[in-house]
N, C-alpha and C. Protein backbone atom coordinates (compact mmCIF):
# COMPACT_ATOMS: atom_id res chain seq x y z
N MET A 1 -38.02 88.62 101.72
CA MET A 1 -39.16 88.81 102.60
C MET A 1 -38.67 89.31 103.96
N ALA A 2 -39.27 90.36 104.44
CA ALA A 2 -38.90 90.96 105.72
C ALA A 2 -39.61 90.26 106.88
N GLN A 3 -38.99 90.34 108.03
CA GLN A 3 -39.59 89.78 109.24
C GLN A 3 -40.27 90.91 110.01
N ILE A 4 -41.51 90.68 110.41
CA ILE A 4 -42.27 91.65 111.19
C ILE A 4 -42.03 91.39 112.68
N ILE A 5 -41.67 92.44 113.40
CA ILE A 5 -41.47 92.34 114.84
C ILE A 5 -42.35 93.38 115.51
N TRP A 6 -43.35 92.93 116.23
CA TRP A 6 -44.23 93.81 116.98
C TRP A 6 -43.58 94.09 118.33
N THR A 7 -43.42 95.36 118.69
CA THR A 7 -42.91 95.69 120.02
C THR A 7 -44.05 95.58 121.02
N GLU A 8 -43.70 95.33 122.26
CA GLU A 8 -44.72 95.23 123.31
C GLU A 8 -45.55 96.50 123.44
N PRO A 9 -44.92 97.69 123.41
CA PRO A 9 -45.74 98.91 123.49
C PRO A 9 -46.75 99.03 122.35
N ALA A 10 -46.37 98.62 121.15
CA ALA A 10 -47.29 98.71 120.01
C ALA A 10 -48.46 97.75 120.19
N LEU A 11 -48.18 96.57 120.69
CA LEU A 11 -49.27 95.61 120.95
C LEU A 11 -50.21 96.14 122.04
N ARG A 12 -49.64 96.77 123.06
CA ARG A 12 -50.49 97.37 124.12
C ARG A 12 -51.34 98.50 123.55
N ASP A 13 -50.74 99.32 122.68
CA ASP A 13 -51.49 100.41 122.05
C ASP A 13 -52.70 99.86 121.30
N LEU A 14 -52.47 98.84 120.48
CA LEU A 14 -53.55 98.24 119.69
C LEU A 14 -54.60 97.63 120.61
N ASP A 15 -54.16 96.97 121.66
CA ASP A 15 -55.09 96.36 122.62
C ASP A 15 -55.97 97.42 123.28
N GLU A 16 -55.38 98.54 123.66
CA GLU A 16 -56.16 99.62 124.30
C GLU A 16 -57.21 100.19 123.35
N ILE A 17 -56.83 100.37 122.09
CA ILE A 17 -57.77 100.89 121.10
C ILE A 17 -58.90 99.88 120.90
N ALA A 18 -58.56 98.61 120.78
CA ALA A 18 -59.57 97.58 120.57
C ALA A 18 -60.49 97.45 121.78
N GLU A 19 -59.94 97.55 122.98
CA GLU A 19 -60.78 97.48 124.18
C GLU A 19 -61.79 98.62 124.22
N TYR A 20 -61.37 99.80 123.83
CA TYR A 20 -62.27 100.95 123.81
C TYR A 20 -63.39 100.73 122.80
N ILE A 21 -63.05 100.24 121.62
CA ILE A 21 -64.06 99.98 120.60
C ILE A 21 -65.00 98.86 121.05
N ALA A 22 -64.46 97.88 121.74
CA ALA A 22 -65.26 96.74 122.21
C ALA A 22 -66.32 97.16 123.23
N LEU A 23 -66.14 98.29 123.86
CA LEU A 23 -67.16 98.77 124.79
C LEU A 23 -68.50 98.95 124.10
N ASP A 24 -68.45 99.33 122.82
CA ASP A 24 -69.67 99.49 122.04
C ASP A 24 -70.01 98.26 121.22
N LYS A 25 -68.96 97.61 120.65
CA LYS A 25 -69.24 96.49 119.76
C LYS A 25 -68.02 95.57 119.66
N ASP A 26 -68.13 94.39 120.27
CA ASP A 26 -67.03 93.42 120.25
C ASP A 26 -66.59 93.05 118.84
N SER A 27 -67.56 92.83 117.98
CA SER A 27 -67.23 92.38 116.62
C SER A 27 -66.44 93.44 115.85
N ALA A 28 -66.70 94.71 116.12
CA ALA A 28 -65.95 95.78 115.45
C ALA A 28 -64.50 95.79 115.91
N ALA A 29 -64.28 95.53 117.19
CA ALA A 29 -62.92 95.47 117.72
C ALA A 29 -62.16 94.29 117.11
N GLU A 30 -62.80 93.15 117.02
CA GLU A 30 -62.17 91.97 116.41
C GLU A 30 -61.84 92.23 114.95
N LYS A 31 -62.75 92.84 114.24
CA LYS A 31 -62.54 93.15 112.82
C LYS A 31 -61.35 94.10 112.64
N LEU A 32 -61.26 95.10 113.51
CA LEU A 32 -60.16 96.05 113.44
C LEU A 32 -58.82 95.34 113.64
N ILE A 33 -58.73 94.49 114.65
CA ILE A 33 -57.48 93.79 114.93
C ILE A 33 -57.07 92.94 113.74
N LYS A 34 -58.01 92.24 113.15
CA LYS A 34 -57.70 91.41 111.97
C LYS A 34 -57.21 92.28 110.81
N LYS A 35 -57.85 93.42 110.59
CA LYS A 35 -57.44 94.32 109.50
C LYS A 35 -56.04 94.87 109.74
N VAL A 36 -55.74 95.24 110.98
CA VAL A 36 -54.42 95.78 111.30
C VAL A 36 -53.35 94.73 111.05
N PHE A 37 -53.55 93.53 111.58
CA PHE A 37 -52.54 92.48 111.39
C PHE A 37 -52.40 92.11 109.91
N SER A 38 -53.49 92.09 109.19
CA SER A 38 -53.43 91.76 107.76
C SER A 38 -52.63 92.82 107.01
N ARG A 39 -52.89 94.08 107.31
CA ARG A 39 -52.16 95.16 106.62
C ARG A 39 -50.69 95.14 106.97
N VAL A 40 -50.37 94.95 108.23
CA VAL A 40 -48.96 94.91 108.65
C VAL A 40 -48.27 93.70 108.03
N ASP A 41 -48.95 92.57 107.92
CA ASP A 41 -48.35 91.39 107.29
C ASP A 41 -47.96 91.66 105.84
N GLN A 42 -48.68 92.54 105.16
CA GLN A 42 -48.33 92.89 103.77
C GLN A 42 -46.96 93.56 103.67
N LEU A 43 -46.51 94.13 104.78
CA LEU A 43 -45.21 94.79 104.78
C LEU A 43 -44.06 93.80 104.59
N GLN A 44 -44.30 92.53 104.87
CA GLN A 44 -43.26 91.52 104.66
C GLN A 44 -42.78 91.54 103.21
N ASP A 45 -43.70 91.66 102.29
CA ASP A 45 -43.36 91.67 100.87
C ASP A 45 -43.14 93.08 100.31
N PHE A 46 -43.75 94.07 100.96
CA PHE A 46 -43.66 95.46 100.47
C PHE A 46 -43.34 96.40 101.62
N PRO A 47 -42.14 96.28 102.20
CA PRO A 47 -41.81 97.07 103.39
C PRO A 47 -41.83 98.58 103.18
N GLU A 48 -41.60 99.03 101.97
CA GLU A 48 -41.56 100.47 101.70
C GLU A 48 -42.93 101.02 101.30
N SER A 49 -43.98 100.21 101.43
CA SER A 49 -45.30 100.64 100.97
C SER A 49 -45.96 101.67 101.88
N GLY A 50 -45.43 101.85 103.07
CA GLY A 50 -45.97 102.88 103.96
C GLY A 50 -45.55 104.26 103.50
N ARG A 51 -46.11 105.27 104.14
CA ARG A 51 -45.76 106.65 103.80
C ARG A 51 -44.98 107.26 104.95
N LYS A 52 -44.28 108.32 104.63
CA LYS A 52 -43.61 109.11 105.67
C LYS A 52 -44.69 109.88 106.43
N PRO A 53 -44.70 109.80 107.75
CA PRO A 53 -45.69 110.58 108.50
C PRO A 53 -45.52 112.07 108.20
N PRO A 54 -46.60 112.76 107.85
CA PRO A 54 -46.49 114.17 107.46
C PRO A 54 -45.96 115.08 108.57
N GLU A 55 -46.09 114.68 109.83
CA GLU A 55 -45.62 115.51 110.94
C GLU A 55 -44.11 115.45 111.11
N LEU A 56 -43.47 114.47 110.48
CA LEU A 56 -42.04 114.27 110.67
C LEU A 56 -41.27 114.77 109.44
N PRO A 57 -39.99 115.09 109.63
CA PRO A 57 -39.19 115.53 108.48
C PRO A 57 -39.06 114.43 107.43
N LYS A 58 -38.87 114.83 106.19
CA LYS A 58 -38.73 113.86 105.09
C LYS A 58 -37.59 112.88 105.33
N SER A 59 -36.58 113.28 106.08
CA SER A 59 -35.42 112.43 106.34
C SER A 59 -35.68 111.40 107.45
N SER A 60 -36.85 111.42 108.04
CA SER A 60 -37.17 110.50 109.13
C SER A 60 -37.08 109.05 108.66
N ARG A 61 -36.67 108.19 109.56
CA ARG A 61 -36.58 106.76 109.23
C ARG A 61 -37.89 106.01 109.50
N TYR A 62 -38.90 106.72 109.97
CA TYR A 62 -40.17 106.09 110.30
C TYR A 62 -41.14 106.14 109.12
N LEU A 63 -41.97 105.11 109.03
CA LEU A 63 -43.04 105.04 108.04
C LEU A 63 -44.33 104.70 108.77
N GLU A 64 -45.44 104.88 108.08
CA GLU A 64 -46.73 104.53 108.68
C GLU A 64 -47.65 103.93 107.64
N VAL A 65 -48.54 103.08 108.14
CA VAL A 65 -49.67 102.61 107.34
C VAL A 65 -50.92 102.96 108.13
N ILE A 66 -51.99 103.15 107.41
CA ILE A 66 -53.24 103.55 108.06
C ILE A 66 -54.29 102.47 107.85
N VAL A 67 -54.89 102.08 108.97
CA VAL A 67 -56.05 101.20 108.97
C VAL A 67 -57.05 101.93 109.85
N ASP A 68 -57.96 102.63 109.22
CA ASP A 68 -58.89 103.51 109.94
C ASP A 68 -59.55 102.77 111.10
N PRO A 69 -59.51 103.28 112.32
CA PRO A 69 -59.07 104.59 112.77
C PRO A 69 -57.64 104.62 113.32
N CYS A 70 -56.78 103.74 112.87
CA CYS A 70 -55.43 103.63 113.43
C CYS A 70 -54.34 104.05 112.45
N ARG A 71 -53.29 104.58 113.03
CA ARG A 71 -52.04 104.82 112.31
C ARG A 71 -51.02 103.89 112.94
N ILE A 72 -50.34 103.11 112.11
CA ILE A 72 -49.37 102.13 112.59
C ILE A 72 -47.99 102.59 112.12
N PHE A 73 -47.11 102.86 113.07
CA PHE A 73 -45.79 103.38 112.77
C PHE A 73 -44.75 102.27 112.86
N TYR A 74 -43.83 102.27 111.91
CA TYR A 74 -42.80 101.24 111.90
C TYR A 74 -41.50 101.78 111.35
N ARG A 75 -40.45 100.98 111.55
CA ARG A 75 -39.12 101.33 111.09
C ARG A 75 -38.51 100.07 110.45
N ILE A 76 -37.81 100.24 109.37
CA ILE A 76 -37.15 99.13 108.68
C ILE A 76 -35.68 99.13 109.05
N GLU A 77 -35.18 97.97 109.46
CA GLU A 77 -33.75 97.80 109.74
C GLU A 77 -33.31 96.51 109.08
N ASN A 78 -32.56 96.64 108.01
CA ASN A 78 -32.10 95.49 107.22
C ASN A 78 -33.31 94.70 106.73
N THR A 79 -33.48 93.47 107.19
CA THR A 79 -34.61 92.64 106.75
C THR A 79 -35.68 92.53 107.83
N LYS A 80 -35.65 93.45 108.78
CA LYS A 80 -36.63 93.43 109.88
C LYS A 80 -37.46 94.70 109.87
N ILE A 81 -38.73 94.53 110.18
CA ILE A 81 -39.65 95.65 110.30
C ILE A 81 -40.14 95.69 111.74
N TYR A 82 -39.84 96.78 112.42
CA TYR A 82 -40.25 96.94 113.81
C TYR A 82 -41.50 97.80 113.88
N VAL A 83 -42.59 97.21 114.35
CA VAL A 83 -43.82 97.97 114.56
C VAL A 83 -43.68 98.60 115.94
N LEU A 84 -43.69 99.95 115.96
CA LEU A 84 -43.33 100.68 117.17
C LEU A 84 -44.49 101.30 117.92
N TYR A 85 -45.48 101.74 117.17
CA TYR A 85 -46.51 102.56 117.81
C TYR A 85 -47.80 102.47 117.01
N VAL A 86 -48.91 102.37 117.71
CA VAL A 86 -50.24 102.39 117.09
C VAL A 86 -51.03 103.47 117.81
N MET A 87 -51.61 104.36 117.03
CA MET A 87 -52.38 105.43 117.66
C MET A 87 -53.66 105.70 116.87
N ARG A 88 -54.60 106.31 117.54
CA ARG A 88 -55.83 106.73 116.87
C ARG A 88 -55.47 107.82 115.87
N SER A 89 -56.10 107.79 114.72
CA SER A 89 -55.74 108.71 113.64
C SER A 89 -56.08 110.17 113.93
N GLU A 90 -56.98 110.42 114.85
CA GLU A 90 -57.32 111.82 115.13
C GLU A 90 -56.30 112.50 116.05
N ARG A 91 -55.41 111.72 116.65
CA ARG A 91 -54.37 112.30 117.50
C ARG A 91 -53.22 112.83 116.65
N LEU A 92 -52.54 113.83 117.16
CA LEU A 92 -51.37 114.37 116.49
C LEU A 92 -50.13 113.64 116.96
N LEU A 93 -49.29 113.30 116.03
CA LEU A 93 -48.05 112.62 116.35
C LEU A 93 -47.00 113.62 116.79
N ARG A 94 -46.28 113.27 117.82
CA ARG A 94 -45.13 114.04 118.28
C ARG A 94 -43.91 113.12 118.15
N LYS A 95 -42.82 113.65 117.63
CA LYS A 95 -41.64 112.82 117.37
C LYS A 95 -41.17 112.07 118.60
N PHE A 96 -41.27 112.66 119.79
CA PHE A 96 -40.79 111.98 120.99
C PHE A 96 -41.56 110.70 121.25
N MET A 97 -42.80 110.60 120.75
CA MET A 97 -43.59 109.38 120.95
C MET A 97 -42.90 108.18 120.29
N LEU A 98 -42.31 108.39 119.13
CA LEU A 98 -41.60 107.31 118.44
C LEU A 98 -40.20 107.12 119.00
N ASP A 99 -39.53 108.20 119.32
CA ASP A 99 -38.17 108.09 119.83
C ASP A 99 -38.12 107.32 121.15
N ALA A 100 -39.19 107.40 121.93
CA ALA A 100 -39.22 106.70 123.20
C ALA A 100 -39.34 105.19 123.04
N ARG A 101 -39.63 104.74 121.82
CA ARG A 101 -39.83 103.31 121.59
C ARG A 101 -38.70 102.77 120.78
């Protein structure tokens, strides 16, 4: 079983997305946060279940899972999974966004 480690920037990203959604509907923001954490928790047992982000080369060490409207990017190192970045799915990923984290 892998250990999930949320980075501070990734938590801030998720918080910003949830705050924006909460402007219209608090319950939708709460539901999104629960869905994101539930999906990421599944990585403990299935760390390779994410996909390679299509914008990155096949050799990239990054993976992503999608919880609409979010893309959650992570990296596996030994028995640890580092959640690095959470972004809205309509945005385009640039490699430097992940490298900076």
